[in-house]
Amino acid sequence: MMKIVTVAVSKKKGTRKKIVDEAFLIQDHGIEGDAHAGPWHRQVSLLAAESIEKVRDQGLDVTFGDFAENIASSGVDWLRIPVGTRFRLGDTALLEVTQIGKECHNKCAIYYLAGDCIMPKEGIFARVLKGGKIRPGDAIHMKSEDPA
C-alpha cells in the first residue's frame, strides 16, 4: 500500500523540517505554514521513506524531515512517476508532479547537518491542485488508480 509516513514543515528554507501530526494543503499554494509554499511549481516536496532508510543503512545519522521533505512516503518509487502525474493524498487533496529531483547549486545547511542530501537525486516536487487535510497513515492513490 502506498501511504504517507510523515508530514513535516519548516518556517525557513534550507533547514530541517519539523514532523507534525497533520497539515493542511492549500490549493495553488502548498502546505499551510511551510516556507516552500507559494505560487510556484515546487509547493510540496516528497521523498520515499525507503530512500531515507537506505542512507541510514549507509551510516548517516538522519531521520524524517532532515532532508527538508514535506512528505515521506512508503510504497511509491517517485523516480518512476512521470512529471504531470496526478495523485491523491488522503481523502481530498490532489497534487501533480512538477519536477523530479533538483539542481543543488550550493551545498545547503541540510548537506552539512546530515552529511549528504538525497533530495536533489531522489526527491520530487508537486503543486497542489485541490487542498485538504493530510496525516501520517493516509493513503496515496495515483490518479489512474483512483475510482473518483
C-alpha atoms as a PDB file:
ATOM      1  CA  MET A   1       0.000   0.000   0.000  1.00  0.00           C
ATOM      2  CA  MET A   2       1.212   3.498  -0.849  1.00  0.00           C
ATOM      3  CA  LYS A   3       0.899   5.799   2.140  1.00  0.00           C
ATOM      4  CA  ILE A   4       2.159   8.894   3.928  1.00  0.00           C
ATOM      5  CA  VAL A   5       4.724   8.035   6.614  1.00  0.00           C
ATOM      6  CA  THR A   6       5.407  11.557   7.915  1.00  0.00           C
ATOM      7  CA  VAL A   7       4.352  15.138   7.244  1.00  0.00           C
ATOM      8  CA  ALA A   8       6.811  17.937   8.027  1.00  0.00           C
ATOM      9  CA  VAL A   9       7.027  21.741   7.797  1.00  0.00           C
ATOM     10  CA  SER A  10       9.592  24.468   8.378  1.00  0.00           C
ATOM     11  CA  LYS A  11       9.445  28.228   8.769  1.00  0.00           C
ATOM     12  CA  LYS A  12      12.691  28.776   6.820  1.00  0.00           C
ATOM     13  CA  LYS A  13      14.040  27.346   3.565  1.00  0.00           C
ATOM     14  CA  GLY A  14      17.199  25.233   3.646  1.00  0.00           C
ATOM     15  CA  THR A  15      16.543  23.841   7.109  1.00  0.00           C
ATOM     16  CA  ARG A  16      15.355  20.544   8.504  1.00  0.00           C
ATOM     17  CA  LYS A  17      11.598  20.268   8.780  1.00  0.00           C
ATOM     18  CA  LYS A  18       9.649  19.507  11.944  1.00  0.00           C
ATOM     19  CA  ILE A  19       7.342  16.484  11.952  1.00  0.00           C
ATOM     20  CA  VAL A  20       3.679  17.373  12.549  1.00  0.00           C
ATOM     21  CA  ASP A  21       0.588  15.276  13.285  1.00  0.00           C
ATOM     22  CA  GLU A  22      -1.342  16.778  10.384  1.00  0.00           C
ATOM     23  CA  ALA A  23      -1.128  19.543   7.814  1.00  0.00           C
ATOM     24  CA  PHE A  24      -3.465  21.388   5.500  1.00  0.00           C
ATOM     25  CA  LEU A  25      -2.704  21.612   1.794  1.00  0.00           C
ATOM     26  CA  ILE A  26      -3.903  24.846   0.204  1.00  0.00           C
ATOM     27  CA  GLN A  27      -4.816  24.881  -3.489  1.00  0.00           C
ATOM     28  CA  ASP A  28      -2.201  26.650  -5.669  1.00  0.00           C
ATOM     29  CA  HIS A  29      -0.080  27.328  -2.575  1.00  0.00           C
ATOM     30  CA  GLY A  30       1.276  24.263  -0.723  1.00  0.00           C
ATOM     31  CA  ILE A  31       1.318  23.283   2.925  1.00  0.00           C
ATOM     32  CA  GLU A  32      -0.062  25.920   5.254  1.00  0.00           C
ATOM     33  CA  GLY A  33       2.766  27.477   7.274  1.00  0.00           C
ATOM     34  CA  ASP A  34       5.606  25.927   5.264  1.00  0.00           C
ATOM     35  CA  ALA A  35       8.463  28.085   3.926  1.00  0.00           C
ATOM     36  CA  HIS A  36       8.324  26.459   0.469  1.00  0.00           C
ATOM     37  CA  ALA A  37       4.627  27.154  -0.083  1.00  0.00           C
ATOM     38  CA  GLY A  38       3.734  29.809  -2.624  1.00  0.00           C
ATOM     39  CA  PRO A  39       2.734  30.426  -6.226  1.00  0.00           C
ATOM     40  CA  TRP A  40       5.373  28.273  -7.928  1.00  0.00           C
ATOM     41  CA  HIS A  41       5.887  24.726  -9.182  1.00  0.00           C
ATOM     42  CA  ARG A  42       7.648  23.294  -6.089  1.00  0.00           C
ATOM     43  CA  GLN A  43       4.926  23.797  -3.496  1.00  0.00           C
ATOM     44  CA  VAL A  44       5.311  20.374  -1.853  1.00  0.00           C
ATOM     45  CA  SER A  45       8.356  18.092  -1.672  1.00  0.00           C
ATOM     46  CA  LEU A  46       8.125  14.321  -1.393  1.00  0.00           C
ATOM     47  CA  LEU A  47      10.725  11.690  -0.640  1.00  0.00           C
ATOM     48  CA  ALA A  48      10.428   7.934  -0.257  1.00  0.00           C
ATOM     49  CA  ALA A  49      10.918   6.685   3.297  1.00  0.00           C
ATOM     50  CA  GLU A  50      12.870   3.859   1.694  1.00  0.00           C
ATOM     51  CA  SER A  51      15.428   6.433   0.450  1.00  0.00           C
ATOM     52  CA  ILE A  52      15.875   7.781   3.970  1.00  0.00           C
ATOM     53  CA  GLU A  53      16.268   4.240   5.335  1.00  0.00           C
ATOM     54  CA  LYS A  54      18.859   3.489   2.644  1.00  0.00           C
ATOM     55  CA  VAL A  55      21.129   6.368   3.712  1.00  0.00           C
ATOM     56  CA  ARG A  56      20.646   5.421   7.371  1.00  0.00           C
ATOM     57  CA  ASP A  57      21.879   1.931   6.489  1.00  0.00           C
ATOM     58  CA  GLN A  58      24.941   3.571   4.917  1.00  0.00           C
ATOM     59  CA  GLY A  59      25.765   5.155   8.276  1.00  0.00           C
ATOM     60  CA  LEU A  60      24.234   8.646   8.089  1.00  0.00           C
ATOM     61  CA  ASP A  61      22.557   9.773  11.304  1.00  0.00           C
ATOM     62  CA  VAL A  62      19.326  11.094   9.771  1.00  0.00           C
ATOM     63  CA  THR A  63      15.603  10.885  10.321  1.00  0.00           C
ATOM     64  CA  PHE A  64      12.389  12.083   8.710  1.00  0.00           C
ATOM     65  CA  GLY A  65      12.358  15.807   7.960  1.00  0.00           C
ATOM     66  CA  ASP A  66      16.162  16.029   7.851  1.00  0.00           C
ATOM     67  CA  PHE A  67      16.192  16.366   4.043  1.00  0.00           C
ATOM     68  CA  ALA A  68      13.584  19.156   4.150  1.00  0.00           C
ATOM     69  CA  GLU A  69      10.926  16.891   2.641  1.00  0.00           C
ATOM     70  CA  ASN A  70       7.325  17.801   3.369  1.00  0.00           C
ATOM     71  CA  ILE A  71       6.072  14.263   2.908  1.00  0.00           C
ATOM     72  CA  ALA A  72       7.885  10.972   3.395  1.00  0.00           C
ATOM     73  CA  SER A  73       6.009   8.116   1.773  1.00  0.00           C
ATOM     74  CA  SER A  74       6.213   4.360   1.631  1.00  0.00           C
ATOM     75  CA  GLY A  75       5.450   2.105  -1.296  1.00  0.00           C
ATOM     76  CA  VAL A  76       5.994   4.734  -4.014  1.00  0.00           C
ATOM     77  CA  ASP A  77       9.016   4.823  -6.315  1.00  0.00           C
ATOM     78  CA  TRP A  78       8.760   8.552  -7.059  1.00  0.00           C
ATOM     79  CA  LEU A  79      11.571   8.444  -9.622  1.00  0.00           C
ATOM     80  CA  ARG A  80       9.395   6.234 -11.843  1.00  0.00           C
ATOM     81  CA  ILE A  81       6.401   8.585 -11.665  1.00  0.00           C
ATOM     82  CA  PRO A  82       6.460  10.966 -14.655  1.00  0.00           C
ATOM     83  CA  VAL A  83       6.048  14.731 -14.460  1.00  0.00           C
ATOM     84  CA  GLY A  84       2.372  15.559 -14.931  1.00  0.00           C
ATOM     85  CA  THR A  85       1.116  12.568 -12.927  1.00  0.00           C
ATOM     86  CA  ARG A  86      -1.702  13.439 -10.570  1.00  0.00           C
ATOM     87  CA  PHE A  87      -2.132  11.712  -7.232  1.00  0.00           C
ATOM     88  CA  ARG A  88      -4.447  11.947  -4.260  1.00  0.00           C
ATOM     89  CA  LEU A  89      -3.282  12.243  -0.655  1.00  0.00           C
ATOM     90  CA  GLY A  90      -5.806  11.246   1.984  1.00  0.00           C
ATOM     91  CA  ASP A  91      -9.473  11.868   1.252  1.00  0.00           C
ATOM     92  CA  THR A  92      -9.420  15.101  -0.746  1.00  0.00           C
ATOM     93  CA  ALA A  93      -6.011  16.569  -1.588  1.00  0.00           C
ATOM     94  CA  LEU A  94      -4.950  16.314  -5.234  1.00  0.00           C
ATOM     95  CA  LEU A  95      -1.381  17.041  -6.352  1.00  0.00           C
ATOM     96  CA  GLU A  96       0.500  16.994  -9.655  1.00  0.00           C
ATOM     97  CA  VAL A  97       4.166  16.049 -10.062  1.00  0.00           C
ATOM     98  CA  THR A  98       6.006  19.078 -11.470  1.00  0.00           C
ATOM     99  CA  GLN A  99       9.681  18.178 -11.067  1.00  0.00           C
ATOM    100  CA  ILE A 100      11.811  15.128 -10.371  1.00  0.00           C
ATOM    101  CA  GLY A 101      14.975  15.921  -8.461  1.00  0.00           C
ATOM    102  CA  LYS A 102      16.576  19.346  -8.400  1.00  0.00           C
ATOM    103  CA  GLU A 103      19.833  21.043  -9.108  1.00  0.00           C
ATOM    104  CA  CYS A 104      21.720  21.973  -5.986  1.00  0.00           C
ATOM    105  CA  HIS A 105      23.952  24.959  -6.770  1.00  0.00           C
ATOM    106  CA  ASN A 106      25.479  25.201  -3.315  1.00  0.00           C
ATOM    107  CA  LYS A 107      25.654  22.713  -0.503  1.00  0.00           C
ATOM    108  CA  CYS A 108      22.780  23.748   1.775  1.00  0.00           C
ATOM    109  CA  ALA A 109      22.500  23.507   5.540  1.00  0.00           C
ATOM    110  CA  ILE A 110      20.914  20.066   5.120  1.00  0.00           C
ATOM    111  CA  TYR A 111      24.078  18.748   3.457  1.00  0.00           C
ATOM    112  CA  TYR A 112      26.256  19.998   6.294  1.00  0.00           C
ATOM    113  CA  LEU A 113      23.920  18.795   9.045  1.00  0.00           C
ATOM    114  CA  ALA A 114      23.230  15.349   7.571  1.00  0.00           C
ATOM    115  CA  GLY A 115      26.494  14.729   5.714  1.00  0.00           C
ATOM    116  CA  ASP A 116      24.710  14.334   2.378  1.00  0.00           C
ATOM    117  CA  CYS A 117      21.460  15.384   0.734  1.00  0.00           C
ATOM    118  CA  ILE A 118      19.367  12.974  -1.288  1.00  0.00           C
ATOM    119  CA  MET A 119      16.623  15.428  -2.275  1.00  0.00           C
ATOM    120  CA  PRO A 120      18.419  16.555  -5.468  1.00  0.00           C
ATOM    121  CA  LYS A 121      18.618  12.952  -6.703  1.00  0.00           C
ATOM    122  CA  GLU A 122      15.613  11.201  -5.155  1.00  0.00           C
ATOM    123  CA  GLY A 123      13.082  13.846  -4.177  1.00  0.00           C
ATOM    124  CA  ILE A 124      10.174  15.052  -6.261  1.00  0.00           C
ATOM    125  CA  PHE A 125       8.094  18.196  -6.220  1.00  0.00           C
ATOM    126  CA  ALA A 126       4.409  18.812  -6.777  1.00  0.00           C
ATOM    127  CA  ARG A 127       1.834  21.556  -6.907  1.00  0.00           C
ATOM    128  CA  VAL A 128      -1.496  21.434  -5.105  1.00  0.00           C
ATOM    129  CA  LEU A 129      -4.498  21.185  -7.439  1.00  0.00           C
ATOM    130  CA  LYS A 130      -7.018  20.653  -4.637  1.00  0.00           C
ATOM    131  CA  GLY A 131      -6.442  21.244  -0.946  1.00  0.00           C
ATOM    132  CA  GLY A 132      -7.242  19.140   2.068  1.00  0.00           C
ATOM    133  CA  LYS A 133      -6.001  17.818   5.377  1.00  0.00           C
ATOM    134  CA  ILE A 134      -3.310  15.118   5.378  1.00  0.00           C
ATOM    135  CA  ARG A 135      -1.895  12.930   8.131  1.00  0.00           C
ATOM    136  CA  PRO A 136       0.649  10.141   8.506  1.00  0.00           C
ATOM    137  CA  GLY A 137      -1.013   6.869   7.546  1.00  0.00           C
ATOM    138  CA  ASP A 138      -3.180   8.446   4.824  1.00  0.00           C
ATOM    139  CA  ALA A 139      -3.274   6.536   1.551  1.00  0.00           C
ATOM    140  CA  ILE A 140      -1.644   7.765  -1.655  1.00  0.00           C
ATOM    141  CA  HIS A 141      -3.545   6.976  -4.866  1.00  0.00           C
ATOM    142  CA  MET A 142      -2.185   7.602  -8.333  1.00  0.00           C
ATOM    143  CA  LYS A 143      -4.961   9.218 -10.341  1.00  0.00           C
ATOM    144  CA  SER A 144      -5.144   6.279 -12.777  1.00  0.00           C
ATOM    145  CA  GLU A 145      -5.947   4.063  -9.763  1.00  0.00           C
ATOM    146  CA  ASP A 146      -8.436   6.489  -8.282  1.00  0.00           C
ATOM    147  CA  PRO A 147     -12.066   5.478  -8.920  1.00  0.00           C
ATOM    148  CA  ALA A 148     -13.248   9.066  -8.358  1.00  0.00           C
END
